[in-house]
């Protein structure tokens, strides 16, 4: 009897906590309006460059255009990577099909890299000499950070693949 009462009290306590957390999260989302917009302007390629309003608009338009180009490629890449898992885990793997799919994945990544570099150069062309120096320094740091994360991710994926 005591165990049932204790269980009910515990269940009610947990549900109260969950409801309270849900309400807190909801109020945080509502307060993200202009504040989030301001924080977004301080991140990414525009961070610390003291851009003019015209430059900010050009950066925003350029980034949006790039994302529109990259989004379908990300979908294709995801499909190709999923297909690769299917090919590799088949009962009788077809090495020719696996190699062909690897080349497809590589081609998609190359296309995405080309789009990103073109966007980077377009953004850079709109900057003053001083802004370009800062932009180039930031890009080097951002690439290094992403490189380390990417290496860790790849090593983890290889480890998981070896374990299976």
N, C-alpha and C. Protein backbone atom coordinates (compact mmCIF):
# COMPACT_ATOMS: atom_id res chain seq x y z
N UNK A 1 0.83 -1.19 0.00
CA UNK A 1 0.00 0.00 0.00
C UNK A 1 0.88 1.25 0.00
N UNK A 2 1.91 1.26 0.88
CA UNK A 2 2.80 2.41 0.94
C UNK A 2 3.56 2.57 -0.38
N UNK A 3 3.90 1.47 -0.99
CA UNK A 3 4.63 1.51 -2.25
C UNK A 3 3.77 2.15 -3.34
N UNK A 4 2.47 1.83 -3.36
CA UNK A 4 1.57 2.41 -4.36
C UNK A 4 1.44 3.92 -4.15
N UNK A 5 1.29 4.34 -2.93
CA UNK A 5 1.15 5.77 -2.63
C UNK A 5 2.44 6.50 -3.00
N UNK A 6 3.56 5.91 -2.63
CA UNK A 6 4.84 6.51 -2.96
C UNK A 6 5.01 6.61 -4.49
N UNK A 7 4.61 5.59 -5.20
CA UNK A 7 4.69 5.59 -6.66
C UNK A 7 3.83 6.68 -7.27
N UNK A 8 2.61 6.85 -6.75
CA UNK A 8 1.70 7.88 -7.24
C UNK A 8 2.26 9.27 -6.97
N UNK A 9 2.79 9.48 -5.77
CA UNK A 9 3.38 10.78 -5.42
C UNK A 9 4.57 11.07 -6.34
N UNK A 10 5.40 10.08 -6.58
CA UNK A 10 6.56 10.25 -7.44
C UNK A 10 6.13 10.58 -8.87
N UNK A 11 5.15 9.88 -9.37
CA UNK A 11 4.63 10.11 -10.72
C UNK A 11 4.07 11.52 -10.85
N UNK A 12 3.33 11.98 -9.86
CA UNK A 12 2.75 13.32 -9.90
C UNK A 12 3.85 14.38 -9.84
N UNK A 13 4.88 14.12 -9.04
CA UNK A 13 5.99 15.07 -8.94
C UNK A 13 6.70 15.21 -10.28
N UNK A 14 6.96 14.08 -10.93
CA UNK A 14 7.63 14.12 -12.23
C UNK A 14 6.78 14.82 -13.28
N UNK A 15 5.49 14.56 -13.28
CA UNK A 15 4.63 15.21 -14.28
C UNK A 15 4.56 16.72 -14.03
N UNK A 16 4.58 17.14 -12.77
CA UNK A 16 4.58 18.57 -12.45
C UNK A 16 5.86 19.22 -12.96
N UNK A 17 6.98 18.56 -12.77
CA UNK A 17 8.27 19.07 -13.23
C UNK A 17 8.28 19.19 -14.75
N UNK A 18 7.77 18.16 -15.43
CA UNK A 18 7.74 18.19 -16.89
C UNK A 18 6.86 19.31 -17.42
N UNK A 19 5.71 19.52 -16.80
CA UNK A 19 4.81 20.59 -17.22
C UNK A 19 5.48 21.95 -16.99
N UNK A 20 6.15 22.11 -15.87
CA UNK A 20 6.83 23.37 -15.57
C UNK A 20 7.95 23.63 -16.58
N UNK A 21 8.70 22.60 -16.95
CA UNK A 21 9.76 22.78 -17.94
C UNK A 21 9.20 23.13 -19.29
N UNK A 22 8.09 22.54 -19.67
CA UNK A 22 7.46 22.83 -20.95
C UNK A 22 7.05 24.29 -21.01
N UNK A 23 6.47 24.81 -19.95
CA UNK A 23 6.05 26.21 -19.93
C UNK A 23 7.26 27.13 -20.00
N UNK A 24 8.35 26.79 -19.31
CA UNK A 24 9.56 27.61 -19.35
C UNK A 24 10.13 27.65 -20.76
N UNK A 25 10.20 26.49 -21.41
CA UNK A 25 10.74 26.44 -22.76
C UNK A 25 9.89 27.26 -23.71
N UNK A 26 8.59 27.22 -23.55
CA UNK A 26 7.71 27.98 -24.41
C UNK A 26 7.92 29.46 -24.27
N UNK A 27 8.10 29.95 -23.04
CA UNK A 27 8.30 31.37 -22.83
C UNK A 27 9.65 31.82 -23.38
N UNK A 28 10.66 30.95 -23.35
CA UNK A 28 11.96 31.30 -23.90
C UNK A 28 11.86 31.45 -25.41
N UNK A 29 11.10 30.60 -26.07
CA UNK A 29 10.97 30.69 -27.51
C UNK A 29 10.31 31.99 -27.92
N UNK A 30 9.33 32.43 -27.14
CA UNK A 30 8.64 33.66 -27.48
C UNK A 30 9.55 34.87 -27.35
N UNK A 31 10.48 34.82 -26.41
CA UNK A 31 11.34 35.98 -26.17
C UNK A 31 12.54 36.03 -27.11
N UNK A 32 12.59 35.18 -28.11
CA UNK A 32 13.75 35.13 -28.99
C UNK A 32 13.64 36.08 -30.16
N UNK A 33 12.59 36.77 -30.35
CA UNK A 33 12.36 37.64 -31.49
C UNK A 33 13.54 38.51 -31.88
N UNK A 34 13.49 39.81 -31.58
CA UNK A 34 14.55 40.72 -32.00
C UNK A 34 15.91 40.42 -31.37
N UNK A 35 15.90 39.90 -30.14
CA UNK A 35 17.17 39.59 -29.48
C UNK A 35 17.92 38.52 -30.26
N UNK A 36 17.21 37.50 -30.72
CA UNK A 36 17.87 36.45 -31.48
C UNK A 36 18.39 37.02 -32.79
N UNK A 37 17.61 37.89 -33.42
CA UNK A 37 18.03 38.52 -34.67
C UNK A 37 19.34 39.27 -34.46
N UNK A 38 19.46 40.00 -33.35
CA UNK A 38 20.68 40.75 -33.07
C UNK A 38 21.86 39.81 -32.86
N UNK A 39 21.63 38.72 -32.11
CA UNK A 39 22.72 37.78 -31.87
C UNK A 39 23.15 37.12 -33.17
N UNK A 40 22.20 36.83 -34.06
CA UNK A 40 22.54 36.21 -35.33
C UNK A 40 23.44 37.13 -36.16
N UNK A 41 23.23 38.44 -36.06
CA UNK A 41 24.05 39.38 -36.81
C UNK A 41 25.48 39.43 -36.28
N UNK A 42 25.68 39.01 -35.03
CA UNK A 42 27.01 39.03 -34.43
C UNK A 42 27.77 37.73 -34.67
N UNK A 43 27.13 36.77 -35.32
CA UNK A 43 27.77 35.49 -35.59
C UNK A 43 28.05 35.35 -37.07
N UNK A 44 28.72 34.27 -37.40
CA UNK A 44 28.96 33.95 -38.79
C UNK A 44 29.99 34.87 -39.42
N UNK A 45 29.92 35.00 -40.73
CA UNK A 45 30.96 35.74 -41.43
C UNK A 45 30.96 37.24 -41.12
N UNK A 46 29.88 37.79 -40.57
CA UNK A 46 29.79 39.23 -40.32
C UNK A 46 30.30 39.63 -38.94
N UNK A 47 30.64 38.68 -38.10
CA UNK A 47 31.02 38.95 -36.71
C UNK A 47 32.27 39.82 -36.65
N UNK A 48 32.17 40.95 -35.95
CA UNK A 48 33.32 41.80 -35.68
C UNK A 48 33.82 42.63 -36.84
N UNK A 49 33.06 42.73 -37.93
CA UNK A 49 33.54 43.45 -39.10
C UNK A 49 33.02 44.89 -39.18
N UNK A 50 32.11 45.28 -38.30
CA UNK A 50 31.52 46.62 -38.34
C UNK A 50 30.97 46.93 -39.73
N UNK A 51 30.08 46.08 -40.20
CA UNK A 51 29.52 46.22 -41.54
C UNK A 51 28.54 47.38 -41.60
N UNK A 52 28.45 47.98 -42.78
CA UNK A 52 27.43 48.99 -43.02
C UNK A 52 26.10 48.26 -43.21
N UNK A 53 25.01 49.00 -43.17
CA UNK A 53 23.70 48.38 -43.38
C UNK A 53 23.62 47.74 -44.76
N UNK A 54 24.19 48.40 -45.76
CA UNK A 54 24.17 47.85 -47.12
C UNK A 54 24.95 46.54 -47.17
N UNK A 55 26.10 46.49 -46.49
CA UNK A 55 26.90 45.26 -46.46
C UNK A 55 26.15 44.15 -45.73
N UNK A 56 25.48 44.50 -44.64
CA UNK A 56 24.70 43.50 -43.90
C UNK A 56 23.62 42.90 -44.78
N UNK A 57 22.92 43.75 -45.52
CA UNK A 57 21.86 43.26 -46.42
C UNK A 57 22.45 42.38 -47.51
N UNK A 58 23.59 42.80 -48.07
CA UNK A 58 24.23 42.01 -49.12
C UNK A 58 24.69 40.65 -48.57
N UNK A 59 25.24 40.65 -47.36
CA UNK A 59 25.66 39.39 -46.74
C UNK A 59 24.45 38.48 -46.53
N UNK A 60 23.37 39.05 -46.02
CA UNK A 60 22.17 38.25 -45.75
C UNK A 60 21.64 37.64 -47.05
N UNK A 61 21.57 38.46 -48.10
CA UNK A 61 21.06 37.98 -49.38
C UNK A 61 21.98 36.90 -49.96
N UNK A 62 23.27 37.10 -49.85
CA UNK A 62 24.23 36.14 -50.37
C UNK A 62 24.15 34.81 -49.62
N UNK A 63 24.06 34.89 -48.30
CA UNK A 63 23.96 33.67 -47.50
C UNK A 63 22.67 32.91 -47.81
N UNK A 64 21.59 33.64 -47.99
CA UNK A 64 20.31 33.00 -48.32
C UNK A 64 20.40 32.31 -49.68
N UNK A 65 20.99 32.99 -50.65
CA UNK A 65 21.14 32.40 -51.98
C UNK A 65 21.99 31.13 -51.92
N UNK A 66 23.07 31.19 -51.14
CA UNK A 66 23.94 30.02 -51.01
C UNK A 66 23.17 28.86 -50.37
N UNK A 67 22.41 29.14 -49.32
CA UNK A 67 21.66 28.08 -48.65
C UNK A 67 20.63 27.45 -49.59
N UNK A 68 20.02 28.27 -50.44
CA UNK A 68 19.06 27.74 -51.42
C UNK A 68 19.73 26.79 -52.40
N UNK A 69 20.99 27.06 -52.74
CA UNK A 69 21.72 26.18 -53.64
C UNK A 69 22.18 24.91 -52.93
N UNK A 70 22.58 25.05 -51.69
CA UNK A 70 23.17 23.92 -50.97
C UNK A 70 22.12 22.96 -50.42
N UNK A 71 20.95 23.48 -50.08
CA UNK A 71 19.93 22.65 -49.44
C UNK A 71 19.61 21.38 -50.24
N UNK A 72 19.33 21.47 -51.55
CA UNK A 72 19.04 20.23 -52.28
C UNK A 72 20.25 19.29 -52.34
N UNK A 73 21.44 19.87 -52.38
CA UNK A 73 22.65 19.03 -52.39
C UNK A 73 22.81 18.28 -51.08
N UNK A 74 22.45 18.93 -49.97
CA UNK A 74 22.50 18.24 -48.67
C UNK A 74 21.55 17.04 -48.67
N UNK A 75 20.38 17.23 -49.28
CA UNK A 75 19.43 16.12 -49.36
C UNK A 75 19.99 14.98 -50.19
N UNK A 76 20.57 15.32 -51.34
CA UNK A 76 21.19 14.31 -52.20
C UNK A 76 22.32 13.58 -51.47
N UNK A 77 23.12 14.36 -50.74
CA UNK A 77 24.24 13.78 -50.01
C UNK A 77 23.74 12.80 -48.94
N UNK A 78 22.71 13.19 -48.23
CA UNK A 78 22.13 12.30 -47.22
C UNK A 78 21.62 11.01 -47.83
N UNK A 79 20.96 11.12 -48.98
CA UNK A 79 20.46 9.92 -49.66
C UNK A 79 21.61 9.03 -50.12
N UNK A 80 22.65 9.65 -50.68
CA UNK A 80 23.80 8.87 -51.17
C UNK A 80 24.52 8.18 -50.01
N UNK A 81 24.65 8.88 -48.88
CA UNK A 81 25.31 8.26 -47.73
C UNK A 81 24.47 7.13 -47.15
N UNK A 82 23.15 7.30 -47.14
CA UNK A 82 22.28 6.22 -46.67
C UNK A 82 22.37 5.02 -47.62
N UNK A 83 22.40 5.31 -48.92
CA UNK A 83 22.52 4.24 -49.92
C UNK A 83 23.86 3.50 -49.74
N UNK A 84 24.89 4.26 -49.38
CA UNK A 84 26.21 3.65 -49.15
C UNK A 84 26.14 2.64 -48.01
N UNK A 85 25.44 3.00 -46.95
CA UNK A 85 25.29 2.05 -45.83
C UNK A 85 24.59 0.79 -46.30
N UNK A 86 23.57 0.97 -47.13
CA UNK A 86 22.84 -0.19 -47.66
C UNK A 86 23.75 -1.06 -48.51
N UNK A 87 24.53 -0.41 -49.38
CA UNK A 87 25.44 -1.17 -50.25
C UNK A 87 26.50 -1.92 -49.46
N UNK A 88 27.06 -1.28 -48.47
CA UNK A 88 28.14 -1.88 -47.69
C UNK A 88 27.64 -3.02 -46.81
N UNK A 89 26.43 -2.90 -46.31
CA UNK A 89 25.91 -3.92 -45.39
C UNK A 89 25.12 -5.02 -46.10
N UNK A 90 25.11 -5.01 -47.42
CA UNK A 90 24.40 -6.06 -48.16
C UNK A 90 25.06 -7.41 -47.90
N UNK A 91 24.28 -8.46 -48.08
CA UNK A 91 24.81 -9.80 -47.85
C UNK A 91 25.98 -10.09 -48.79
N UNK A 92 25.83 -9.66 -50.05
CA UNK A 92 26.92 -9.80 -51.02
C UNK A 92 27.19 -8.42 -51.61
N UNK A 93 28.09 -7.65 -50.98
CA UNK A 93 28.35 -6.29 -51.43
C UNK A 93 28.92 -6.24 -52.86
N UNK A 94 28.44 -5.27 -53.63
CA UNK A 94 28.89 -5.05 -55.00
C UNK A 94 29.90 -3.91 -54.97
N UNK A 95 31.18 -4.24 -55.09
CA UNK A 95 32.25 -3.25 -54.96
C UNK A 95 32.15 -2.18 -56.05
N UNK A 96 31.71 -2.55 -57.23
CA UNK A 96 31.58 -1.57 -58.31
C UNK A 96 30.51 -0.53 -57.96
N UNK A 97 29.39 -0.99 -57.42
CA UNK A 97 28.31 -0.07 -57.02
C UNK A 97 28.76 0.80 -55.84
N UNK A 98 29.50 0.20 -54.93
CA UNK A 98 30.00 0.95 -53.77
C UNK A 98 30.95 2.06 -54.24
N UNK A 99 31.88 1.72 -55.13
CA UNK A 99 32.82 2.71 -55.64
C UNK A 99 32.11 3.82 -56.42
N UNK A 100 31.13 3.44 -57.19
CA UNK A 100 30.37 4.43 -57.96
C UNK A 100 29.65 5.39 -57.01
N UNK A 101 29.09 4.85 -55.94
CA UNK A 101 28.38 5.69 -54.96
C UNK A 101 29.36 6.59 -54.20
N UNK A 102 30.55 6.09 -53.93
CA UNK A 102 31.58 6.91 -53.28
C UNK A 102 31.91 8.10 -54.17
N UNK A 103 32.03 7.85 -55.47
CA UNK A 103 32.31 8.94 -56.41
C UNK A 103 31.16 9.94 -56.44
N UNK A 104 29.94 9.46 -56.35
CA UNK A 104 28.77 10.35 -56.33
C UNK A 104 28.82 11.23 -55.08
N UNK A 105 29.11 10.62 -53.92
CA UNK A 105 29.21 11.38 -52.66
C UNK A 105 30.30 12.44 -52.79
N UNK A 106 31.43 12.06 -53.34
CA UNK A 106 32.53 13.00 -53.54
C UNK A 106 32.15 14.15 -54.45
N UNK A 107 31.45 13.86 -55.53
CA UNK A 107 31.04 14.90 -56.48
C UNK A 107 30.07 15.88 -55.82
N UNK A 108 29.18 15.38 -55.00
CA UNK A 108 28.23 16.27 -54.30
C UNK A 108 29.00 17.18 -53.33
N UNK A 109 29.93 16.60 -52.60
CA UNK A 109 30.73 17.41 -51.66
C UNK A 109 31.57 18.46 -52.38
N UNK A 110 32.12 18.10 -53.54
CA UNK A 110 32.91 19.05 -54.33
C UNK A 110 32.01 20.19 -54.79
N UNK A 111 30.82 19.87 -55.27
CA UNK A 111 29.88 20.90 -55.72
C UNK A 111 29.52 21.84 -54.57
N UNK A 112 29.27 21.29 -53.39
CA UNK A 112 28.96 22.11 -52.22
C UNK A 112 30.15 23.02 -51.86
N UNK A 113 31.35 22.48 -51.93
CA UNK A 113 32.54 23.27 -51.61
C UNK A 113 32.71 24.41 -52.60
N UNK A 114 32.44 24.16 -53.87
CA UNK A 114 32.54 25.21 -54.89
C UNK A 114 31.55 26.33 -54.62
N UNK A 115 30.34 25.98 -54.25
CA UNK A 115 29.31 26.98 -53.95
C UNK A 115 29.73 27.82 -52.75
N UNK A 116 30.26 27.16 -51.72
CA UNK A 116 30.68 27.87 -50.51
C UNK A 116 31.85 28.82 -50.80
N UNK A 117 32.80 28.38 -51.59
CA UNK A 117 33.95 29.23 -51.92
C UNK A 117 33.50 30.43 -52.75
N UNK A 118 32.61 30.20 -53.70
CA UNK A 118 32.11 31.32 -54.51
C UNK A 118 31.40 32.33 -53.61
N UNK A 119 30.60 31.85 -52.69
CA UNK A 119 29.90 32.74 -51.76
C UNK A 119 30.92 33.51 -50.91
N UNK A 120 31.94 32.82 -50.43
CA UNK A 120 32.97 33.46 -49.61
C UNK A 120 33.64 34.59 -50.39
N UNK A 121 33.97 34.32 -51.65
CA UNK A 121 34.63 35.34 -52.47
C UNK A 121 33.69 36.50 -52.77
N UNK A 122 32.41 36.20 -52.98
CA UNK A 122 31.43 37.27 -53.21
C UNK A 122 31.31 38.17 -51.98
N UNK A 123 31.27 37.55 -50.79
CA UNK A 123 31.20 38.32 -49.56
C UNK A 123 32.46 39.17 -49.38
N UNK A 124 33.59 38.55 -49.61
CA UNK A 124 34.88 39.22 -49.43
C UNK A 124 35.00 40.43 -50.36
N UNK A 125 34.48 40.33 -51.56
CA UNK A 125 34.58 41.41 -52.54
C UNK A 125 33.83 42.67 -52.10
N UNK A 126 32.89 42.52 -51.20
CA UNK A 126 32.08 43.66 -50.76
C UNK A 126 32.69 44.38 -49.56
N UNK A 127 33.84 43.94 -49.10
CA UNK A 127 34.44 44.49 -47.89
C UNK A 127 35.54 45.50 -48.22
N UNK A 128 35.78 46.37 -47.25
CA UNK A 128 36.92 47.27 -47.35
C UNK A 128 38.18 46.47 -47.07
N UNK A 129 39.34 47.07 -47.31
CA UNK A 129 40.60 46.36 -47.10
C UNK A 129 40.75 45.91 -45.65
N UNK A 130 40.41 46.78 -44.72
CA UNK A 130 40.51 46.45 -43.29
C UNK A 130 39.55 45.31 -42.92
N UNK A 131 38.33 45.38 -43.45
CA UNK A 131 37.35 44.33 -43.17
C UNK A 131 37.81 43.00 -43.77
N UNK A 132 38.42 43.06 -44.96
CA UNK A 132 38.90 41.82 -45.60
C UNK A 132 39.95 41.14 -44.74
N UNK A 133 40.86 41.92 -44.15
CA UNK A 133 41.88 41.34 -43.29
C UNK A 133 41.25 40.59 -42.11
N UNK A 134 40.28 41.23 -41.46
CA UNK A 134 39.59 40.58 -40.33
C UNK A 134 38.82 39.35 -40.81
N UNK A 135 38.15 39.49 -41.93
CA UNK A 135 37.34 38.40 -42.51
C UNK A 135 38.23 37.19 -42.80
N UNK A 136 39.39 37.44 -43.40
CA UNK A 136 40.31 36.35 -43.73
C UNK A 136 40.84 35.67 -42.47
N UNK A 137 41.15 36.46 -41.44
CA UNK A 137 41.62 35.88 -40.19
C UNK A 137 40.54 35.03 -39.54
N UNK A 138 39.30 35.53 -39.55
CA UNK A 138 38.19 34.78 -38.95
C UNK A 138 37.93 33.49 -39.72
N UNK A 139 38.00 33.54 -41.02
CA UNK A 139 37.73 32.36 -41.84
C UNK A 139 38.74 31.27 -41.53
N UNK A 140 40.00 31.66 -41.35
CA UNK A 140 41.02 30.68 -41.01
C UNK A 140 40.74 29.99 -39.69
N UNK A 141 40.30 30.77 -38.70
CA UNK A 141 39.99 30.20 -37.39
C UNK A 141 38.77 29.30 -37.48
N UNK A 142 37.74 29.75 -38.21
CA UNK A 142 36.51 28.96 -38.33
C UNK A 142 36.81 27.64 -39.03
N UNK A 143 37.61 27.67 -40.08
CA UNK A 143 37.94 26.45 -40.80
C UNK A 143 38.71 25.48 -39.94
N UNK A 144 39.63 26.00 -39.10
CA UNK A 144 40.42 25.15 -38.22
C UNK A 144 39.53 24.46 -37.20
N UNK A 145 38.59 25.22 -36.61
CA UNK A 145 37.68 24.63 -35.63
C UNK A 145 36.83 23.55 -36.27
N UNK A 146 36.30 23.84 -37.45
CA UNK A 146 35.46 22.86 -38.14
C UNK A 146 36.28 21.63 -38.51
N UNK A 147 37.54 21.86 -38.89
CA UNK A 147 38.40 20.75 -39.26
C UNK A 147 38.61 19.80 -38.10
N UNK A 148 38.85 20.33 -36.92
CA UNK A 148 39.05 19.48 -35.75
C UNK A 148 37.78 18.71 -35.43
N UNK A 149 36.64 19.40 -35.48
CA UNK A 149 35.37 18.73 -35.20
C UNK A 149 35.12 17.65 -36.23
N UNK A 150 35.39 17.96 -37.49
CA UNK A 150 35.18 17.00 -38.56
C UNK A 150 36.05 15.77 -38.39
N UNK A 151 37.31 15.98 -37.99
CA UNK A 151 38.21 14.85 -37.79
C UNK A 151 37.71 13.98 -36.65
N UNK A 152 37.27 14.60 -35.56
CA UNK A 152 36.75 13.82 -34.42
C UNK A 152 35.52 13.03 -34.86
N UNK A 153 34.65 13.68 -35.63
CA UNK A 153 33.43 13.01 -36.09
C UNK A 153 33.79 11.82 -36.99
N UNK A 154 34.70 12.02 -37.93
CA UNK A 154 35.10 10.95 -38.83
C UNK A 154 35.73 9.79 -38.07
N UNK A 155 36.58 10.11 -37.09
CA UNK A 155 37.21 9.05 -36.30
C UNK A 155 36.16 8.27 -35.51
N UNK A 156 35.17 9.00 -34.98
CA UNK A 156 34.11 8.32 -34.23
C UNK A 156 33.31 7.41 -35.15
N UNK A 157 33.00 7.90 -36.36
CA UNK A 157 32.22 7.11 -37.30
C UNK A 157 33.01 5.86 -37.73
N UNK A 158 34.31 6.01 -37.95
CA UNK A 158 35.13 4.86 -38.32
C UNK A 158 35.16 3.83 -37.18
N UNK A 159 35.26 4.31 -35.96
CA UNK A 159 35.28 3.43 -34.80
C UNK A 159 33.97 2.65 -34.70
N UNK A 160 32.85 3.41 -34.85
CA UNK A 160 31.54 2.75 -34.77
C UNK A 160 31.39 1.73 -35.90
N UNK A 161 31.87 2.08 -37.10
CA UNK A 161 31.76 1.16 -38.23
C UNK A 161 32.60 -0.10 -37.98
N UNK A 162 33.78 0.07 -37.39
CA UNK A 162 34.63 -1.07 -37.09
C UNK A 162 34.02 -1.97 -36.03
N UNK A 163 33.26 -1.37 -35.11
CA UNK A 163 32.65 -2.15 -34.03
C UNK A 163 31.50 -3.00 -34.56
N UNK A 164 30.87 -2.58 -35.65
CA UNK A 164 29.72 -3.32 -36.19
C UNK A 164 30.12 -4.41 -37.09
